[in-house]
N, C-alpha and C. Protein backbone atom coordinates (compact mmCIF):
# COMPACT_ATOMS: atom_id res chain seq x y z
N MET A 1 -84.97 -146.03 -19.16
CA MET A 1 -84.18 -146.17 -17.94
C MET A 1 -84.90 -145.43 -16.80
N THR A 2 -85.12 -146.10 -15.69
CA THR A 2 -85.77 -145.52 -14.53
C THR A 2 -84.73 -145.06 -13.53
N LEU A 3 -84.84 -143.79 -13.11
CA LEU A 3 -83.95 -143.29 -12.07
C LEU A 3 -84.51 -143.68 -10.72
N GLU A 4 -83.64 -144.05 -9.82
CA GLU A 4 -84.08 -144.43 -8.47
C GLU A 4 -83.00 -144.01 -7.49
N ARG A 5 -83.45 -143.52 -6.33
CA ARG A 5 -82.49 -143.09 -5.32
C ARG A 5 -83.14 -143.16 -3.95
N ASN A 6 -82.42 -143.61 -2.95
CA ASN A 6 -82.92 -143.62 -1.57
C ASN A 6 -82.84 -142.19 -1.02
N VAL A 7 -83.90 -141.79 -0.31
CA VAL A 7 -83.92 -140.48 0.34
C VAL A 7 -84.40 -140.66 1.77
N LYS A 8 -84.05 -139.72 2.61
CA LYS A 8 -84.49 -139.78 4.00
C LYS A 8 -85.79 -139.03 4.16
N ILE A 9 -86.65 -139.57 4.99
CA ILE A 9 -87.91 -138.93 5.35
C ILE A 9 -87.68 -138.26 6.70
N PHE A 10 -88.15 -137.02 6.84
CA PHE A 10 -87.96 -136.29 8.10
C PHE A 10 -89.23 -135.52 8.44
N ARG A 11 -89.24 -134.95 9.61
CA ARG A 11 -90.39 -134.17 10.07
C ARG A 11 -90.09 -132.68 9.88
N ASN A 12 -91.11 -131.97 9.43
CA ASN A 12 -91.06 -130.52 9.32
C ASN A 12 -92.33 -130.03 10.02
N GLY A 13 -92.20 -129.72 11.31
CA GLY A 13 -93.37 -129.41 12.12
C GLY A 13 -94.21 -130.67 12.25
N ARG A 14 -95.49 -130.59 11.88
CA ARG A 14 -96.38 -131.76 11.96
C ARG A 14 -96.43 -132.53 10.66
N ASN A 15 -95.65 -132.09 9.64
CA ASN A 15 -95.67 -132.75 8.33
C ASN A 15 -94.47 -133.66 8.15
N GLN A 16 -94.69 -134.72 7.42
CA GLN A 16 -93.60 -135.57 7.00
C GLN A 16 -93.07 -134.99 5.70
N ALA A 17 -91.76 -134.98 5.51
CA ALA A 17 -91.19 -134.33 4.33
C ALA A 17 -90.03 -135.16 3.77
N VAL A 18 -89.68 -134.86 2.55
CA VAL A 18 -88.54 -135.49 1.90
C VAL A 18 -87.89 -134.43 1.01
N ARG A 19 -86.56 -134.40 0.96
CA ARG A 19 -85.87 -133.50 0.05
C ARG A 19 -85.82 -134.18 -1.31
N ILE A 20 -86.11 -133.40 -2.33
CA ILE A 20 -86.10 -133.94 -3.69
C ILE A 20 -84.71 -133.69 -4.29
N PRO A 21 -83.98 -134.75 -4.64
CA PRO A 21 -82.66 -134.57 -5.23
C PRO A 21 -82.74 -133.81 -6.56
N ARG A 22 -81.66 -133.12 -6.91
CA ARG A 22 -81.61 -132.27 -8.10
C ARG A 22 -82.06 -133.00 -9.35
N GLU A 23 -81.67 -134.25 -9.52
CA GLU A 23 -82.02 -134.97 -10.75
C GLU A 23 -83.51 -135.30 -10.85
N PHE A 24 -84.25 -135.08 -9.75
CA PHE A 24 -85.70 -135.33 -9.75
C PHE A 24 -86.51 -134.04 -9.63
N GLU A 25 -85.85 -132.89 -9.74
CA GLU A 25 -86.55 -131.61 -9.57
C GLU A 25 -87.73 -131.49 -10.51
N LEU A 26 -88.79 -130.86 -10.00
CA LEU A 26 -90.00 -130.60 -10.79
C LEU A 26 -90.01 -129.15 -11.24
N PRO A 27 -90.58 -128.87 -12.39
CA PRO A 27 -90.70 -127.47 -12.81
C PRO A 27 -91.77 -126.74 -12.02
N GLY A 28 -91.67 -125.43 -11.94
CA GLY A 28 -92.68 -124.63 -11.28
C GLY A 28 -92.52 -124.59 -9.78
N LYS A 29 -93.54 -124.04 -9.12
CA LYS A 29 -93.50 -123.87 -7.67
C LYS A 29 -94.59 -124.65 -6.95
N VAL A 30 -95.47 -125.32 -7.71
CA VAL A 30 -96.57 -126.06 -7.10
C VAL A 30 -96.60 -127.46 -7.69
N ALA A 31 -96.86 -128.44 -6.84
CA ALA A 31 -96.96 -129.84 -7.28
C ALA A 31 -98.25 -130.44 -6.73
N VAL A 32 -98.65 -131.55 -7.31
CA VAL A 32 -99.83 -132.29 -6.87
C VAL A 32 -99.34 -133.63 -6.37
N ILE A 33 -99.84 -134.06 -5.21
CA ILE A 33 -99.48 -135.37 -4.66
C ILE A 33 -100.74 -136.21 -4.55
N ARG A 34 -100.63 -137.47 -4.91
CA ARG A 34 -101.76 -138.38 -4.76
C ARG A 34 -101.23 -139.73 -4.29
N LYS A 35 -102.12 -140.49 -3.70
CA LYS A 35 -101.73 -141.79 -3.17
C LYS A 35 -102.41 -142.88 -3.97
N GLU A 36 -101.64 -143.85 -4.43
CA GLU A 36 -102.15 -145.03 -5.13
C GLU A 36 -101.61 -146.25 -4.39
N GLY A 37 -102.46 -146.89 -3.60
CA GLY A 37 -102.00 -148.00 -2.78
C GLY A 37 -101.01 -147.49 -1.75
N ASP A 38 -99.81 -148.07 -1.72
CA ASP A 38 -98.79 -147.60 -0.79
C ASP A 38 -97.79 -146.65 -1.45
N ARG A 39 -98.09 -146.22 -2.68
CA ARG A 39 -97.20 -145.31 -3.42
C ARG A 39 -97.71 -143.87 -3.35
N LEU A 40 -96.79 -142.93 -3.26
CA LEU A 40 -97.10 -141.52 -3.38
C LEU A 40 -96.61 -141.06 -4.75
N ILE A 41 -97.47 -140.42 -5.49
CA ILE A 41 -97.14 -139.93 -6.83
C ILE A 41 -97.10 -138.41 -6.76
N LEU A 42 -95.96 -137.82 -7.09
CA LEU A 42 -95.76 -136.39 -7.07
C LEU A 42 -95.61 -135.90 -8.50
N SER A 43 -96.46 -134.96 -8.91
CA SER A 43 -96.45 -134.46 -10.28
C SER A 43 -96.45 -132.95 -10.27
N PRO A 44 -95.81 -132.32 -11.27
CA PRO A 44 -95.89 -130.85 -11.34
C PRO A 44 -97.32 -130.44 -11.65
N LYS A 45 -97.76 -129.35 -11.04
CA LYS A 45 -99.11 -128.85 -11.32
C LYS A 45 -99.09 -128.17 -12.68
N LYS A 46 -100.05 -128.54 -13.50
CA LYS A 46 -100.13 -127.94 -14.83
C LYS A 46 -100.58 -126.49 -14.69
N ARG A 47 -99.94 -125.63 -15.45
CA ARG A 47 -100.33 -124.22 -15.44
C ARG A 47 -101.68 -124.09 -16.09
N THR A 48 -102.53 -123.34 -15.46
CA THR A 48 -103.85 -123.11 -16.04
C THR A 48 -103.80 -121.82 -16.84
N GLN A 49 -104.58 -121.80 -17.88
CA GLN A 49 -104.65 -120.63 -18.74
C GLN A 49 -105.34 -119.50 -17.99
N SER A 50 -104.85 -118.29 -18.14
CA SER A 50 -105.50 -117.17 -17.48
C SER A 50 -106.90 -116.97 -18.06
N PHE A 51 -107.77 -116.40 -17.27
CA PHE A 51 -109.14 -116.18 -17.72
C PHE A 51 -109.17 -115.22 -18.92
N ALA A 52 -108.28 -114.22 -18.91
CA ALA A 52 -108.22 -113.28 -20.03
C ALA A 52 -107.82 -113.99 -21.32
N LYS A 53 -106.85 -114.92 -21.25
CA LYS A 53 -106.45 -115.66 -22.44
C LYS A 53 -107.58 -116.58 -22.91
N PHE A 54 -108.29 -117.17 -21.95
CA PHE A 54 -109.42 -118.01 -22.31
C PHE A 54 -110.47 -117.20 -23.06
N LEU A 55 -110.82 -116.03 -22.52
CA LEU A 55 -111.82 -115.19 -23.18
C LEU A 55 -111.36 -114.76 -24.57
N ALA A 56 -110.07 -114.44 -24.70
CA ALA A 56 -109.54 -114.01 -25.99
C ALA A 56 -109.58 -115.15 -27.01
N SER A 57 -109.57 -116.39 -26.55
CA SER A 57 -109.57 -117.53 -27.47
C SER A 57 -110.96 -117.87 -27.99
N LEU A 58 -112.01 -117.29 -27.40
CA LEU A 58 -113.37 -117.59 -27.82
C LEU A 58 -113.72 -116.87 -29.12
N GLU A 59 -114.54 -117.51 -29.91
CA GLU A 59 -115.03 -116.89 -31.15
C GLU A 59 -116.09 -115.85 -30.80
N PRO A 60 -116.16 -114.77 -31.57
CA PRO A 60 -117.21 -113.77 -31.30
C PRO A 60 -118.60 -114.37 -31.50
N ILE A 61 -119.56 -113.87 -30.76
CA ILE A 61 -120.95 -114.32 -30.87
C ILE A 61 -121.60 -113.55 -32.01
N GLU A 62 -122.17 -114.28 -32.94
CA GLU A 62 -122.80 -113.66 -34.11
C GLU A 62 -124.31 -113.53 -33.94
N ASP A 63 -124.86 -114.04 -32.87
CA ASP A 63 -126.32 -114.01 -32.66
C ASP A 63 -126.81 -112.57 -32.50
N GLU A 64 -128.05 -112.34 -32.94
CA GLU A 64 -128.70 -111.06 -32.73
C GLU A 64 -129.49 -111.14 -31.43
N PHE A 65 -129.30 -110.17 -30.59
CA PHE A 65 -130.01 -110.15 -29.32
C PHE A 65 -131.13 -109.11 -29.39
N PRO A 66 -132.28 -109.39 -28.75
CA PRO A 66 -133.39 -108.42 -28.79
C PRO A 66 -133.03 -107.17 -27.99
N GLU A 67 -133.67 -106.07 -28.39
CA GLU A 67 -133.49 -104.82 -27.66
C GLU A 67 -134.08 -104.97 -26.26
N ILE A 68 -133.44 -104.38 -25.29
CA ILE A 68 -133.94 -104.39 -23.92
C ILE A 68 -134.50 -103.00 -23.65
N PRO A 69 -135.79 -102.92 -23.31
CA PRO A 69 -136.37 -101.59 -23.11
C PRO A 69 -135.76 -100.89 -21.90
N GLU A 70 -135.62 -99.58 -22.02
CA GLU A 70 -135.11 -98.77 -20.93
C GLU A 70 -136.18 -98.69 -19.85
N LEU A 71 -135.87 -99.05 -18.64
CA LEU A 71 -136.83 -99.01 -17.53
C LEU A 71 -136.69 -97.70 -16.78
N PRO A 72 -137.81 -97.18 -16.24
CA PRO A 72 -137.71 -95.92 -15.49
C PRO A 72 -136.92 -96.17 -14.19
N HIS A 73 -136.18 -95.14 -13.80
CA HIS A 73 -135.38 -95.23 -12.57
C HIS A 73 -136.21 -94.74 -11.39
N ASP A 74 -136.12 -95.43 -10.28
CA ASP A 74 -136.75 -94.97 -9.06
C ASP A 74 -135.89 -93.86 -8.48
N PRO A 75 -136.50 -92.81 -7.93
CA PRO A 75 -135.68 -91.77 -7.31
C PRO A 75 -134.98 -92.34 -6.09
N PRO A 76 -133.79 -91.82 -5.77
CA PRO A 76 -133.07 -92.34 -4.59
C PRO A 76 -133.84 -91.99 -3.32
N PRO A 77 -133.72 -92.82 -2.28
CA PRO A 77 -134.43 -92.53 -1.03
C PRO A 77 -133.91 -91.23 -0.39
N ASP A 78 -134.81 -90.54 0.28
CA ASP A 78 -134.44 -89.30 0.98
C ASP A 78 -134.12 -89.65 2.43
N PHE A 79 -132.85 -89.53 2.81
CA PHE A 79 -132.42 -89.87 4.17
C PHE A 79 -132.36 -88.64 5.06
N GLY A 80 -132.79 -87.48 4.55
CA GLY A 80 -132.62 -86.26 5.32
C GLY A 80 -133.76 -85.83 6.04
């Protein structure tokens, strides 16, 4: 069953806007809009995984890395 309802289009500053009726509410606070022909498609924005969760999901690296030789440090410049 497809829900359908007439809504009014109005201006909000320089933007065209429409109020979304309760039965069509989207989850979250951000949506994505795209145009296909003369249709506007409004979809909830998918939550992206945090970078910390992504890193935690990776398998540990088992490779052996070569030793990196300690390089001599240059003395700091004398500004006095």
